[in-house]
Amino acid sequence: MTRTKTPAAPSAQTVDTPAGPARITWHPAAGARLVLALGHGAGGGIEARDLQALAAALPAAGITVALVEQPWRVAGKKVAAAPKVLDEGWRAVWPALAAPGLPVVAGGRSAGARVACRTARELGAVAVLALAFPLHPPGKPEKSRAAELTGTGVPTLVVQGGRDPFGRPEEFPEGSFDLVEAAFGDHGFAVPKKAELGQEEVLASLTGAVADWLAGQRATGPGAG
C-alpha cells in the first residue's frame, strides 16, 4: 500500500529588513526539490486567491511555497511602499528563502511580480513566476512596463487573466517568456458568475499550468540534482 505524505503545517518566520520586519509563511513540501517564493500585490496581502491556491496545491508536487509579506503589510499600513523599498525588502528576505539549500523560483502577483522580475538575476533566482503582471496602468497602454518582464534574464512564466485591465494576454509583446491565460479572470483572477468556467475550475487550471511549467524547468541552483 502506498502511503500518501501529509503536508506539513504552515509556519511563519519573521525576517528583519531595512524597511522593518517582513514575514514568510512557509508551506513545506516533503522531499522538496525547489522553493517558490511569492510576494503579494500593492492592494492586498498573501490572502489573494491565486497565492493561496498555489500554496495549497504545489507542496504535493514537491514544491515548497513561501508566501512573503512585505514590511509595509506586516506593519498594517494601507499603502504600499515605493518600488525601491519593495526591492530592498525582497533582497533582505532572500537569504532566508535560499536557506533550505534548494533552487529558488522568484515570483509574486502584480507589484510582487514586478519586484521578482527586477531582482531575479542579481539574487540568483532560477526562474520567475509573474502572476497578474501589471503591464500598464488601466487605460494607459502607452505606459508599458514590458522592459521589466523581458529583462529578467531567467526563464519566466506570466499567468494573466483574460479580462485583466492592467494588460490582457493579447497585449503582451513577443519576448523570451511563456504566457498562460487564466480564462475570464480579472486582475485578481476573479471570474464572473456568468462565465463558462467556474472560479474553482480557473484556479485549478492556473495551479496546474504553474506546476507543469515548474516541472519543466531544470534546477540549476544549489542542491540541484
Protein backbone atom coordinates (compact mmCIF):
# COMPACT_ATOMS: atom_id res chain seq x y z
CA MET A 1 0.00 0.00 0.00
CA THR A 2 1.32 3.42 -0.98
CA ARG A 3 1.27 5.95 1.80
CA THR A 4 0.28 9.49 0.98
CA LYS A 5 2.57 12.04 2.57
CA THR A 6 0.67 14.53 4.68
CA PRO A 7 1.87 18.08 4.01
CA ALA A 8 3.49 19.73 6.99
CA ALA A 9 1.57 22.55 8.64
CA PRO A 10 2.43 26.09 7.52
CA SER A 11 4.87 28.01 9.70
CA ALA A 12 5.69 31.72 9.94
CA GLN A 13 9.15 33.28 10.04
CA THR A 14 9.93 36.93 10.73
CA VAL A 15 12.87 38.46 8.87
CA ASP A 16 14.39 41.86 9.61
CA THR A 17 14.80 44.21 6.63
CA PRO A 18 15.88 47.86 6.26
CA ALA A 19 12.18 48.77 6.00
CA GLY A 20 11.12 46.81 9.08
CA PRO A 21 10.14 43.19 9.76
CA ALA A 22 8.93 41.08 6.84
CA ARG A 23 7.20 37.73 7.26
CA ILE A 24 7.49 34.44 5.39
CA THR A 25 4.73 31.86 5.67
CA TRP A 26 6.20 28.53 4.68
CA HIS A 27 4.09 25.79 3.09
CA PRO A 28 6.66 22.98 3.07
CA ALA A 29 6.75 20.00 0.75
CA ALA A 30 8.06 16.62 1.82
CA GLY A 31 11.21 15.92 -0.21
CA ALA A 32 11.03 19.38 -1.79
CA ARG A 33 13.04 19.96 -4.97
CA LEU A 34 12.65 23.73 -5.09
CA VAL A 35 11.22 26.75 -3.30
CA LEU A 36 8.66 29.01 -4.95
CA ALA A 37 8.76 32.42 -3.25
CA LEU A 38 5.69 34.57 -3.85
CA GLY A 39 5.19 38.22 -2.99
CA HIS A 40 1.81 39.95 -2.83
CA GLY A 41 0.45 42.97 -4.66
CA ALA A 42 0.08 46.59 -3.67
CA GLY A 43 -3.61 46.30 -2.88
CA GLY A 44 -3.66 43.20 -0.70
CA GLY A 45 -1.65 40.51 1.03
CA ILE A 46 -0.93 36.81 0.86
CA GLU A 47 -4.64 36.04 1.24
CA ALA A 48 -5.02 36.60 -2.52
CA ARG A 49 -6.86 33.70 -4.14
CA ASP A 50 -4.06 32.79 -6.56
CA LEU A 51 -1.36 32.79 -3.88
CA GLN A 52 -3.48 30.67 -1.56
CA ALA A 53 -4.35 28.24 -4.36
CA LEU A 54 -0.70 27.72 -5.23
CA ALA A 55 0.27 27.30 -1.57
CA ALA A 56 -2.41 24.65 -1.17
CA ALA A 57 -1.67 22.72 -4.37
CA LEU A 58 2.07 22.78 -5.04
CA PRO A 59 3.57 21.09 -1.93
CA ALA A 60 2.03 17.82 -3.14
CA ALA A 61 4.15 18.25 -6.30
CA GLY A 62 7.37 18.59 -4.32
CA ILE A 63 7.43 22.39 -4.31
CA THR A 64 7.76 24.31 -1.07
CA VAL A 65 5.81 27.58 -1.31
CA ALA A 66 6.99 30.61 0.66
CA LEU A 67 4.49 33.47 0.85
CA VAL A 68 6.33 36.70 1.59
CA GLU A 69 4.68 39.69 3.27
CA GLN A 70 6.45 42.98 2.72
CA PRO A 71 7.22 45.15 5.80
CA TRP A 72 4.53 47.70 4.97
CA ARG A 73 1.92 44.95 5.06
CA VAL A 74 3.27 43.39 8.27
CA ALA A 75 3.12 46.85 9.89
CA GLY A 76 -0.57 47.13 8.99
CA LYS A 77 -0.17 50.05 6.60
CA LYS A 78 -2.77 50.57 3.88
CA VAL A 79 -0.48 51.98 1.19
CA ALA A 80 2.35 50.03 -0.38
CA ALA A 81 5.92 51.26 -0.17
CA ALA A 82 7.77 52.68 -3.16
CA PRO A 83 9.24 50.18 -5.68
CA LYS A 84 12.80 50.80 -4.42
CA VAL A 85 11.73 49.96 -0.86
CA LEU A 86 9.87 46.84 -2.03
CA ASP A 87 13.03 45.67 -3.79
CA GLU A 88 15.07 46.29 -0.62
CA GLY A 89 12.65 44.23 1.44
CA TRP A 90 12.74 41.37 -1.06
CA ARG A 91 16.54 41.37 -1.18
CA ALA A 92 16.71 41.24 2.62
CA VAL A 93 14.36 38.26 2.76
CA TRP A 94 16.18 36.32 0.05
CA PRO A 95 18.83 34.65 2.28
CA ALA A 96 16.02 33.10 4.35
CA LEU A 97 14.34 31.86 1.16
CA ALA A 98 17.59 30.29 -0.01
CA ALA A 99 18.44 28.83 3.42
CA PRO A 100 16.88 25.39 2.70
CA GLY A 101 19.62 24.89 0.08
CA LEU A 102 17.19 24.45 -2.80
CA PRO A 103 16.84 26.35 -6.07
CA VAL A 104 14.51 29.31 -5.60
CA VAL A 105 11.95 30.50 -8.14
CA ALA A 106 11.11 34.16 -7.54
CA GLY A 107 7.52 35.17 -8.06
CA GLY A 108 4.56 37.19 -6.99
CA ARG A 109 1.37 38.82 -8.11
CA SER A 110 1.06 42.32 -9.57
CA ALA A 111 3.55 44.59 -7.75
CA GLY A 112 5.14 41.47 -6.29
CA ALA A 113 5.68 40.13 -9.80
CA ARG A 114 7.46 43.35 -10.75
CA VAL A 115 9.77 43.02 -7.73
CA ALA A 116 10.60 39.43 -8.70
CA CYS A 117 11.35 40.45 -12.29
CA ARG A 118 13.58 43.36 -11.30
CA THR A 119 15.72 41.39 -8.85
CA ALA A 120 15.74 37.81 -10.16
CA ARG A 121 19.09 37.73 -11.88
CA GLU A 122 21.05 39.58 -9.18
CA LEU A 123 19.67 37.32 -6.44
CA GLY A 124 20.28 34.07 -8.29
CA ALA A 125 16.68 33.01 -8.88
CA VAL A 126 16.45 30.08 -11.29
CA ALA A 127 13.17 31.33 -12.79
CA VAL A 128 10.37 33.87 -12.34
CA LEU A 129 6.62 33.37 -11.97
CA ALA A 130 4.72 36.57 -12.74
CA LEU A 131 1.05 36.40 -11.71
CA ALA A 132 -1.22 39.20 -12.98
CA PHE A 133 1.76 41.21 -14.22
CA PRO A 134 0.68 44.88 -14.40
CA LEU A 135 1.83 45.54 -17.95
CA HIS A 136 0.46 49.07 -17.77
CA PRO A 137 -1.86 51.17 -15.58
CA PRO A 138 -5.54 50.62 -16.51
CA GLY A 139 -6.44 52.64 -19.59
CA LYS A 140 -2.84 53.74 -20.19
CA PRO A 141 -1.23 51.18 -22.51
CA GLU A 142 1.40 53.72 -23.53
CA LYS A 143 2.95 53.44 -20.04
CA SER A 144 4.31 49.96 -20.60
CA ARG A 145 6.34 48.04 -18.02
CA ALA A 146 7.28 45.32 -20.51
CA ALA A 147 11.00 46.00 -20.06
CA GLU A 148 10.87 44.61 -16.52
CA LEU A 149 9.34 41.41 -17.81
CA THR A 150 11.61 40.93 -20.79
CA GLY A 151 14.72 41.78 -18.78
CA THR A 152 14.58 39.09 -16.10
CA GLY A 153 17.45 37.11 -17.61
CA VAL A 154 15.92 33.80 -16.44
CA PRO A 155 13.04 31.57 -17.63
CA THR A 156 9.80 33.42 -16.92
CA LEU A 157 6.15 32.44 -16.87
CA VAL A 158 3.34 35.00 -16.94
CA VAL A 159 -0.14 33.93 -15.84
CA GLN A 160 -2.61 36.61 -16.88
CA GLY A 161 -6.36 36.94 -16.52
CA GLY A 162 -8.24 37.22 -19.78
CA ARG A 163 -10.04 40.36 -18.51
CA ASP A 164 -7.14 42.00 -16.67
CA PRO A 165 -7.37 45.81 -17.10
CA PHE A 166 -3.65 46.04 -16.30
CA GLY A 167 -2.92 44.12 -19.50
CA ARG A 168 -4.87 41.42 -21.28
CA PRO A 169 -2.87 38.44 -22.63
CA GLU A 170 -3.08 39.68 -26.23
CA GLU A 171 -1.48 42.99 -25.24
CA PHE A 172 1.81 41.42 -24.20
CA PRO A 173 4.71 41.82 -26.62
CA GLU A 174 6.74 39.00 -28.04
CA GLY A 175 9.54 38.08 -25.69
CA SER A 176 11.60 35.36 -24.07
CA PHE A 177 8.85 34.39 -21.65
CA ASP A 178 5.94 31.98 -21.58
CA LEU A 179 2.37 33.21 -21.10
CA VAL A 180 -0.68 31.33 -19.90
CA GLU A 181 -4.16 32.86 -19.90
CA ALA A 182 -6.46 32.36 -16.93
CA ALA A 183 -9.74 32.38 -18.81
CA PHE A 184 -12.30 35.01 -17.74
CA GLY A 185 -10.10 36.19 -14.85
CA ASP A 186 -9.67 39.83 -13.85
CA HIS A 187 -6.56 41.26 -12.14
CA GLY A 188 -7.32 39.18 -9.05
CA PHE A 189 -8.31 36.15 -11.18
CA ALA A 190 -11.93 36.58 -10.11
CA VAL A 191 -14.34 35.02 -12.59
CA PRO A 192 -17.86 36.34 -13.33
CA LYS A 193 -20.72 34.05 -12.33
CA LYS A 194 -21.92 34.01 -15.95
CA ALA A 195 -18.56 32.74 -17.26
CA GLU A 196 -18.33 29.37 -18.96
CA LEU A 197 -15.86 28.20 -16.30
CA GLY A 198 -16.31 28.45 -12.54
CA GLN A 199 -13.92 30.09 -10.11
CA GLU A 200 -12.51 26.82 -8.80
CA GLU A 201 -12.00 25.48 -12.33
CA VAL A 202 -10.00 28.54 -13.32
CA LEU A 203 -7.85 28.35 -10.18
CA ALA A 204 -7.25 24.64 -10.76
CA SER A 205 -6.17 25.41 -14.31
CA LEU A 206 -3.84 28.11 -13.02
CA THR A 207 -2.16 25.89 -10.43
CA GLY A 208 -1.89 23.05 -12.93
CA ALA A 209 -0.21 25.27 -15.50
CA VAL A 210 2.27 26.56 -12.94
CA ALA A 211 3.06 23.04 -11.69
CA ASP A 212 3.62 21.79 -15.24
CA TRP A 213 5.87 24.74 -16.09
CA LEU A 214 7.94 24.35 -12.93
CA ALA A 215 8.32 20.63 -13.63
CA GLY A 216 9.84 21.54 -16.98
CA GLN A 217 12.46 23.85 -15.52
CA ARG A 218 15.88 22.36 -14.94
CA ALA A 219 17.07 23.20 -11.46
CA THR A 220 20.40 24.96 -11.73
CA GLY A 221 20.81 26.41 -8.25
CA PRO A 222 22.21 24.97 -5.01
CA GLY A 223 21.03 21.45 -4.34
CA ALA A 224 20.15 20.76 -7.97
CA GLY A 225 20.47 17.18 -8.96
